[in-house]
Amino acid sequence: MKKKIDKTKIKKEIGKRIAFFRNRQRFMQKEVAYKLQMENTSISHWEKGHVSIDIVSLFTLCDILKITILDLVDFSRNYKLENNNIKNSNINSPYATITIPNGTNKTRELTEIEMGILNNIKEMNLKQKTKLLNLSFDILEKKENY
């Protein structure tokens, strides 16, 4: 006799893993959706286990999150999924949301140079970050006086 597969349980478990690995990369749902060229709600539905992810999106998602498909579907791999409250921080994200003059927000991929700068800032201690911030304000202040 075959064991009955609980599809709802599987979708929820995969959804938890998607959320876990997305948060581990510090991506917001909208960033992943942008990369996959789909709506934010698709990511949310996957993570909540409401909808199954299609196979093409699965492969692309794994590339984006820098994981293997086994990380999502091999339930013998025990991750601390309940510790999923990582704050979303764009410091590791290759995307930036920019507010343009008409007040709308636009998300774009950061350049390699911009990512390099963010990675350097990430490695600074608090004193170095404060010094950089003060220097940035000085530069902006001088620019406004011209």
N, C-alpha and C. Protein backbone atom coordinates (compact mmCIF):
# COMPACT_ATOMS: atom_id res chain seq x y z
N MET A 1 0.84 -1.18 0.00
CA MET A 1 0.00 0.00 0.00
C MET A 1 0.89 1.25 0.00
N LYS A 2 0.59 2.16 -0.91
CA LYS A 2 1.36 3.38 -1.02
C LYS A 2 1.00 4.37 0.08
N LYS A 3 2.03 5.06 0.55
CA LYS A 3 1.81 6.09 1.55
C LYS A 3 1.26 7.33 0.85
N LYS A 4 0.21 7.92 1.40
CA LYS A 4 -0.40 9.10 0.80
C LYS A 4 0.51 10.31 1.03
N ILE A 5 0.74 11.08 -0.03
CA ILE A 5 1.59 12.26 0.04
C ILE A 5 0.72 13.47 0.40
N ASP A 6 1.12 14.18 1.42
CA ASP A 6 0.40 15.38 1.84
C ASP A 6 0.97 16.58 1.07
N LYS A 7 0.33 16.92 -0.04
CA LYS A 7 0.82 17.99 -0.92
C LYS A 7 0.85 19.34 -0.21
N THR A 8 -0.12 19.58 0.63
CA THR A 8 -0.16 20.87 1.36
C THR A 8 1.04 21.00 2.28
N LYS A 9 1.37 19.92 2.98
CA LYS A 9 2.51 19.93 3.89
C LYS A 9 3.81 20.15 3.12
N ILE A 10 3.93 19.53 1.96
CA ILE A 10 5.13 19.69 1.13
C ILE A 10 5.27 21.14 0.67
N LYS A 11 4.17 21.72 0.17
CA LYS A 11 4.20 23.12 -0.28
C LYS A 11 4.60 24.06 0.85
N LYS A 12 4.06 23.81 2.04
CA LYS A 12 4.39 24.67 3.19
C LYS A 12 5.86 24.53 3.59
N GLU A 13 6.37 23.31 3.57
CA GLU A 13 7.78 23.09 3.93
C GLU A 13 8.71 23.73 2.91
N ILE A 14 8.42 23.57 1.65
CA ILE A 14 9.24 24.22 0.62
C ILE A 14 9.13 25.73 0.74
N GLY A 15 7.94 26.22 1.02
CA GLY A 15 7.74 27.66 1.22
C GLY A 15 8.56 28.21 2.36
N LYS A 16 8.61 27.48 3.48
CA LYS A 16 9.43 27.91 4.61
C LYS A 16 10.90 27.99 4.22
N ARG A 17 11.32 27.02 3.43
CA ARG A 17 12.73 27.00 2.99
C ARG A 17 13.03 28.14 2.03
N ILE A 18 12.10 28.44 1.14
CA ILE A 18 12.30 29.58 0.24
C ILE A 18 12.46 30.86 1.05
N ALA A 19 11.58 31.06 2.02
CA ALA A 19 11.66 32.26 2.87
C ALA A 19 12.97 32.28 3.65
N PHE A 20 13.36 31.13 4.19
CA PHE A 20 14.59 31.03 4.96
C PHE A 20 15.80 31.45 4.12
N PHE A 21 15.94 30.86 2.93
CA PHE A 21 17.11 31.16 2.09
C PHE A 21 17.04 32.56 1.50
N ARG A 22 15.83 33.06 1.22
CA ARG A 22 15.70 34.44 0.75
C ARG A 22 16.16 35.41 1.84
N ASN A 23 15.71 35.18 3.06
CA ASN A 23 16.12 36.04 4.18
C ASN A 23 17.61 35.91 4.47
N ARG A 24 18.13 34.72 4.31
CA ARG A 24 19.56 34.52 4.54
C ARG A 24 20.39 35.35 3.56
N GLN A 25 19.90 35.52 2.36
CA GLN A 25 20.57 36.37 1.38
C GLN A 25 20.20 37.84 1.56
N ARG A 26 19.29 38.09 2.51
CA ARG A 26 18.80 39.43 2.81
C ARG A 26 18.10 40.10 1.62
N PHE A 27 17.37 39.27 0.87
CA PHE A 27 16.56 39.77 -0.23
C PHE A 27 15.15 40.01 0.26
N MET A 28 14.54 41.04 -0.25
CA MET A 28 13.12 41.26 -0.04
C MET A 28 12.37 40.47 -1.11
N GLN A 29 11.10 40.17 -0.85
CA GLN A 29 10.30 39.44 -1.82
C GLN A 29 10.27 40.17 -3.16
N LYS A 30 10.16 41.49 -3.12
CA LYS A 30 10.06 42.25 -4.37
C LYS A 30 11.36 42.17 -5.18
N GLU A 31 12.49 42.00 -4.52
CA GLU A 31 13.76 41.87 -5.23
C GLU A 31 13.82 40.53 -5.98
N VAL A 32 13.37 39.49 -5.30
CA VAL A 32 13.36 38.17 -5.94
C VAL A 32 12.35 38.18 -7.09
N ALA A 33 11.20 38.78 -6.86
CA ALA A 33 10.17 38.86 -7.90
C ALA A 33 10.70 39.63 -9.12
N TYR A 34 11.41 40.71 -8.87
CA TYR A 34 11.98 41.50 -9.96
C TYR A 34 12.94 40.66 -10.79
N LYS A 35 13.79 39.91 -10.13
CA LYS A 35 14.77 39.06 -10.81
C LYS A 35 14.07 37.95 -11.60
N LEU A 36 12.97 37.45 -11.07
CA LEU A 36 12.22 36.39 -11.74
C LEU A 36 11.21 36.95 -12.75
N GLN A 37 11.09 38.26 -12.79
CA GLN A 37 10.15 38.95 -13.68
C GLN A 37 8.71 38.50 -13.42
N MET A 38 8.33 38.55 -12.15
CA MET A 38 6.97 38.20 -11.78
C MET A 38 6.50 39.11 -10.64
N GLU A 39 5.27 38.94 -10.24
CA GLU A 39 4.67 39.75 -9.19
C GLU A 39 5.18 39.34 -7.81
N ASN A 40 5.25 40.32 -6.89
CA ASN A 40 5.65 40.05 -5.50
C ASN A 40 4.76 38.98 -4.87
N THR A 41 3.49 38.99 -5.24
CA THR A 41 2.54 38.06 -4.61
C THR A 41 2.90 36.61 -4.91
N SER A 42 3.56 36.35 -6.05
CA SER A 42 3.95 34.97 -6.36
C SER A 42 4.91 34.44 -5.30
N ILE A 43 5.88 35.26 -4.93
CA ILE A 43 6.87 34.84 -3.92
C ILE A 43 6.16 34.60 -2.59
N SER A 44 5.27 35.51 -2.23
CA SER A 44 4.52 35.38 -0.99
C SER A 44 3.69 34.09 -0.98
N HIS A 45 3.03 33.80 -2.09
CA HIS A 45 2.21 32.58 -2.17
C HIS A 45 3.06 31.32 -2.04
N TRP A 46 4.25 31.32 -2.65
CA TRP A 46 5.15 30.17 -2.51
C TRP A 46 5.55 29.99 -1.05
N GLU A 47 5.97 31.12 -0.43
CA GLU A 47 6.47 31.05 0.94
C GLU A 47 5.41 30.62 1.94
N LYS A 48 4.17 30.96 1.67
CA LYS A 48 3.07 30.56 2.56
C LYS A 48 2.56 29.16 2.26
N GLY A 49 3.04 28.58 1.15
CA GLY A 49 2.60 27.24 0.77
C GLY A 49 1.25 27.22 0.10
N HIS A 50 0.79 28.38 -0.39
CA HIS A 50 -0.51 28.44 -1.06
C HIS A 50 -0.44 27.92 -2.49
N VAL A 51 0.73 28.08 -3.12
CA VAL A 51 0.90 27.71 -4.53
C VAL A 51 2.23 26.98 -4.69
N SER A 52 2.26 26.01 -5.59
CA SER A 52 3.51 25.30 -5.89
C SER A 52 4.33 26.13 -6.88
N ILE A 53 5.64 26.10 -6.72
CA ILE A 53 6.53 26.78 -7.64
C ILE A 53 6.70 25.92 -8.89
N ASP A 54 6.69 26.57 -10.06
CA ASP A 54 6.89 25.82 -11.30
C ASP A 54 8.37 25.49 -11.45
N ILE A 55 8.67 24.51 -12.26
CA ILE A 55 10.03 23.96 -12.35
C ILE A 55 11.03 24.98 -12.90
N VAL A 56 10.65 25.78 -13.87
CA VAL A 56 11.56 26.79 -14.42
C VAL A 56 11.90 27.83 -13.37
N SER A 57 10.87 28.31 -12.67
CA SER A 57 11.10 29.29 -11.60
C SER A 57 11.94 28.69 -10.48
N LEU A 58 11.75 27.40 -10.22
CA LEU A 58 12.52 26.72 -9.17
C LEU A 58 14.02 26.77 -9.47
N PHE A 59 14.39 26.45 -10.70
CA PHE A 59 15.81 26.48 -11.07
C PHE A 59 16.36 27.90 -10.99
N THR A 60 15.61 28.87 -11.49
CA THR A 60 16.06 30.26 -11.48
C THR A 60 16.16 30.77 -10.04
N LEU A 61 15.18 30.44 -9.22
CA LEU A 61 15.19 30.86 -7.82
C LEU A 61 16.42 30.31 -7.10
N CYS A 62 16.74 29.07 -7.34
CA CYS A 62 17.91 28.47 -6.70
C CYS A 62 19.19 29.20 -7.11
N ASP A 63 19.28 29.61 -8.36
CA ASP A 63 20.44 30.40 -8.81
C ASP A 63 20.49 31.73 -8.07
N ILE A 64 19.36 32.39 -7.96
CA ILE A 64 19.29 33.70 -7.30
C ILE A 64 19.69 33.57 -5.83
N LEU A 65 19.20 32.54 -5.16
CA LEU A 65 19.45 32.37 -3.73
C LEU A 65 20.77 31.64 -3.44
N LYS A 66 21.47 31.24 -4.50
CA LYS A 66 22.76 30.54 -4.37
C LYS A 66 22.62 29.25 -3.56
N ILE A 67 21.61 28.47 -3.93
CA ILE A 67 21.36 27.19 -3.28
C ILE A 67 21.13 26.14 -4.36
N THR A 68 21.02 24.89 -3.92
CA THR A 68 20.68 23.81 -4.84
C THR A 68 19.20 23.47 -4.65
N ILE A 69 18.67 22.76 -5.62
CA ILE A 69 17.27 22.32 -5.49
C ILE A 69 17.12 21.41 -4.28
N LEU A 70 18.15 20.62 -3.99
CA LEU A 70 18.09 19.74 -2.81
C LEU A 70 17.92 20.52 -1.51
N ASP A 71 18.47 21.74 -1.46
CA ASP A 71 18.28 22.56 -0.25
C ASP A 71 16.79 22.81 0.01
N LEU A 72 16.00 22.85 -1.05
CA LEU A 72 14.56 23.10 -0.89
C LEU A 72 13.74 21.84 -0.72
N VAL A 73 14.16 20.75 -1.37
CA VAL A 73 13.28 19.57 -1.40
C VAL A 73 13.77 18.38 -0.60
N ASP A 74 15.01 18.39 -0.16
CA ASP A 74 15.51 17.27 0.64
C ASP A 74 15.20 17.55 2.12
N PHE A 75 14.09 16.99 2.59
CA PHE A 75 13.63 17.28 3.94
C PHE A 75 14.47 16.62 5.02
N SER A 76 15.43 15.79 4.62
CA SER A 76 16.34 15.22 5.62
C SER A 76 17.37 16.26 6.07
N ARG A 77 17.50 17.31 5.28
CA ARG A 77 18.41 18.41 5.66
C ARG A 77 17.66 19.30 6.63
N ASN A 78 18.12 19.35 7.84
CA ASN A 78 17.43 20.12 8.87
C ASN A 78 18.05 21.50 9.01
N TYR A 79 17.30 22.50 8.61
CA TYR A 79 17.72 23.89 8.77
C TYR A 79 16.92 24.48 9.92
N LYS A 80 17.47 25.48 10.56
CA LYS A 80 16.74 26.14 11.64
C LYS A 80 15.77 27.14 11.03
N LEU A 81 14.71 26.61 10.44
CA LEU A 81 13.76 27.43 9.69
C LEU A 81 12.94 28.35 10.60
N GLU A 82 12.78 27.95 11.85
CA GLU A 82 12.00 28.79 12.75
C GLU A 82 12.75 30.07 13.09
N ASN A 83 14.06 30.08 12.91
CA ASN A 83 14.86 31.28 13.16
C ASN A 83 14.92 32.08 11.86
N ASN A 84 13.74 32.51 11.42
CA ASN A 84 13.61 33.11 10.09
C ASN A 84 13.31 34.60 10.18
N ASN A 85 13.68 35.23 11.29
CA ASN A 85 13.34 36.63 11.47
C ASN A 85 14.52 37.55 11.21
N ILE A 86 15.27 37.25 10.16
CA ILE A 86 16.40 38.09 9.79
C ILE A 86 15.84 39.39 9.24
N LYS A 87 16.36 40.49 9.69
CA LYS A 87 15.92 41.78 9.18
C LYS A 87 16.33 41.93 7.73
N ASN A 88 15.42 42.45 6.91
CA ASN A 88 15.77 42.70 5.52
C ASN A 88 16.67 43.91 5.45
N SER A 89 17.82 43.72 4.90
CA SER A 89 18.80 44.78 4.76
C SER A 89 19.35 44.74 3.36
N ASN A 90 19.36 45.86 2.69
CA ASN A 90 19.81 45.87 1.31
C ASN A 90 21.32 45.86 1.18
N ILE A 91 22.07 45.75 2.29
CA ILE A 91 23.53 45.81 2.20
C ILE A 91 24.08 44.65 1.37
N ASN A 92 23.40 43.48 1.35
CA ASN A 92 23.86 42.35 0.55
C ASN A 92 23.10 42.22 -0.76
N SER A 93 22.12 43.05 -0.96
CA SER A 93 21.27 42.93 -2.12
C SER A 93 21.87 43.60 -3.33
N PRO A 94 21.80 42.94 -4.49
CA PRO A 94 22.31 43.56 -5.70
C PRO A 94 21.32 44.54 -6.32
N TYR A 95 20.31 44.96 -5.57
CA TYR A 95 19.31 45.88 -6.07
C TYR A 95 19.22 47.10 -5.18
N ALA A 96 18.79 48.19 -5.76
CA ALA A 96 18.57 49.42 -5.01
C ALA A 96 17.22 49.98 -5.43
N THR A 97 16.49 50.51 -4.48
CA THR A 97 15.24 51.19 -4.80
C THR A 97 15.52 52.68 -4.75
N ILE A 98 15.23 53.34 -5.84
CA ILE A 98 15.55 54.75 -5.99
C ILE A 98 14.24 55.52 -6.14
N THR A 99 14.11 56.63 -5.43
CA THR A 99 12.95 57.48 -5.59
C THR A 99 13.30 58.55 -6.61
N ILE A 100 12.55 58.58 -7.70
CA ILE A 100 12.82 59.56 -8.74
C ILE A 100 12.00 60.81 -8.47
N PRO A 101 12.34 61.96 -9.09
CA PRO A 101 11.71 63.24 -8.75
C PRO A 101 10.18 63.26 -8.72
N ASN A 102 9.51 62.47 -9.55
CA ASN A 102 8.04 62.49 -9.51
C ASN A 102 7.46 61.71 -8.33
N GLY A 103 8.33 61.16 -7.48
CA GLY A 103 7.89 60.49 -6.25
C GLY A 103 7.70 58.99 -6.37
N THR A 104 7.88 58.42 -7.55
CA THR A 104 7.74 56.97 -7.69
C THR A 104 9.05 56.27 -7.38
N ASN A 105 8.95 55.04 -6.95
CA ASN A 105 10.14 54.24 -6.64
C ASN A 105 10.45 53.33 -7.81
N LYS A 106 11.72 53.19 -8.10
CA LYS A 106 12.17 52.31 -9.17
C LYS A 106 13.29 51.43 -8.62
N THR A 107 13.18 50.12 -8.85
CA THR A 107 14.21 49.19 -8.41
C THR A 107 15.11 48.88 -9.59
N ARG A 108 16.41 48.93 -9.35
CA ARG A 108 17.37 48.60 -10.40
C ARG A 108 18.51 47.80 -9.81
N GLU A 109 19.20 47.07 -10.68
CA GLU A 109 20.34 46.28 -10.25
C GLU A 109 21.53 47.22 -10.05
N LEU A 110 22.28 47.01 -8.97
CA LEU A 110 23.46 47.82 -8.70
C LEU A 110 24.61 47.41 -9.62
N THR A 111 25.47 48.36 -9.91
CA THR A 111 26.64 48.04 -10.72
C THR A 111 27.66 47.30 -9.86
N GLU A 112 28.64 46.73 -10.52
CA GLU A 112 29.70 46.01 -9.81
C GLU A 112 30.45 46.96 -8.87
N ILE A 113 30.68 48.19 -9.31
CA ILE A 113 31.38 49.19 -8.48
C ILE A 113 30.55 49.52 -7.24
N GLU A 114 29.23 49.72 -7.42
CA GLU A 114 28.36 50.02 -6.28
C GLU A 114 28.33 48.87 -5.28
N MET A 115 28.29 47.63 -5.79
CA MET A 115 28.31 46.47 -4.89
C MET A 115 29.64 46.40 -4.14
N GLY A 116 30.74 46.73 -4.83
CA GLY A 116 32.05 46.76 -4.18
C GLY A 116 32.09 47.77 -3.05
N ILE A 117 31.52 48.94 -3.30
CA ILE A 117 31.48 49.98 -2.26
C ILE A 117 30.66 49.49 -1.07
N LEU A 118 29.49 48.89 -1.33
CA LEU A 118 28.66 48.38 -0.23
C LEU A 118 29.38 47.30 0.56
N ASN A 119 30.08 46.43 -0.13
CA ASN A 119 30.82 45.38 0.58
C ASN A 119 31.93 45.97 1.45
N ASN A 120 32.59 47.01 0.95
CA ASN A 120 33.63 47.67 1.77
C ASN A 120 33.02 48.33 3.00
N ILE A 121 31.88 48.97 2.82
CA ILE A 121 31.21 49.62 3.96
C ILE A 121 30.79 48.56 4.98
N LYS A 122 30.31 47.43 4.50
CA LYS A 122 29.87 46.35 5.39
C LYS A 122 31.00 45.88 6.31
N GLU A 123 32.23 45.93 5.80
CA GLU A 123 33.37 45.45 6.58
C GLU A 123 33.93 46.50 7.54
N MET A 124 33.44 47.73 7.45
CA MET A 124 33.95 48.79 8.34
C MET A 124 33.39 48.63 9.74
N ASN A 125 34.15 49.13 10.72
CA ASN A 125 33.63 49.16 12.08
C ASN A 125 32.79 50.43 12.25
N LEU A 126 32.15 50.59 13.39
CA LEU A 126 31.24 51.71 13.62
C LEU A 126 31.95 53.06 13.49
N LYS A 127 33.16 53.16 14.02
CA LYS A 127 33.91 54.42 13.96
C LYS A 127 34.20 54.80 12.49
N GLN A 128 34.58 53.82 11.69
CA GLN A 128 34.86 54.08 10.28
C GLN A 128 33.59 54.48 9.52
N LYS A 129 32.47 53.82 9.83
CA LYS A 129 31.21 54.15 9.17
C LYS A 129 30.76 55.57 9.54
N THR A 130 30.95 55.94 10.81
CA THR A 130 30.58 57.29 11.25
C THR A 130 31.43 58.33 10.55
N LYS A 131 32.71 58.07 10.42
CA LYS A 131 33.62 58.99 9.74
C LYS A 131 33.21 59.15 8.27
N LEU A 132 32.88 58.04 7.61
CA LEU A 132 32.45 58.08 6.22
C LEU A 132 31.16 58.87 6.07
N LEU A 133 30.23 58.66 6.98
CA LEU A 133 28.96 59.38 6.93
C LEU A 133 29.17 60.88 7.10
N ASN A 134 30.01 61.26 8.06
CA ASN A 134 30.30 62.69 8.27
C ASN A 134 30.98 63.31 7.06
N LEU A 135 31.89 62.58 6.45
CA LEU A 135 32.56 63.05 5.25
C LEU A 135 31.56 63.23 4.11
N SER A 136 30.62 62.30 3.99
CA SER A 136 29.59 62.40 2.96
C SER A 136 28.72 63.64 3.16
N PHE A 137 28.35 63.92 4.42
CA PHE A 137 27.56 65.12 4.70
C PHE A 137 28.35 66.38 4.37
N ASP A 138 29.65 66.39 4.68
CA ASP A 138 30.50 67.54 4.35
C ASP A 138 30.52 67.78 2.84
N ILE A 139 30.64 66.71 2.08
CA ILE A 139 30.68 66.84 0.62
C ILE A 139 29.35 67.37 0.10
N LEU A 140 28.25 66.85 0.61
CA LEU A 140 26.93 67.32 0.17
C LEU A 140 26.70 68.78 0.54
N GLU A 141 27.16 69.16 1.72
CA GLU A 141 27.01 70.55 2.18
C GLU A 141 27.80 71.49 1.27
N LYS A 142 29.02 71.12 0.92
CA LYS A 142 29.84 71.95 0.04
C LYS A 142 29.23 72.04 -1.35
N LYS A 143 28.64 70.94 -1.81
CA LYS A 143 28.01 70.91 -3.14
C LYS A 143 26.82 71.87 -3.17
N GLU A 144 26.06 71.93 -2.08
CA GLU A 144 24.89 72.83 -2.01
C GLU A 144 25.30 74.29 -1.96
N ASN A 145 26.51 74.58 -1.48
CA ASN A 145 26.95 75.98 -1.37
C ASN A 145 27.46 76.53 -2.69
N TYR A 146 27.62 75.69 -3.69
CA TYR A 146 28.10 76.19 -4.99
C TYR A 146 26.98 76.66 -5.86
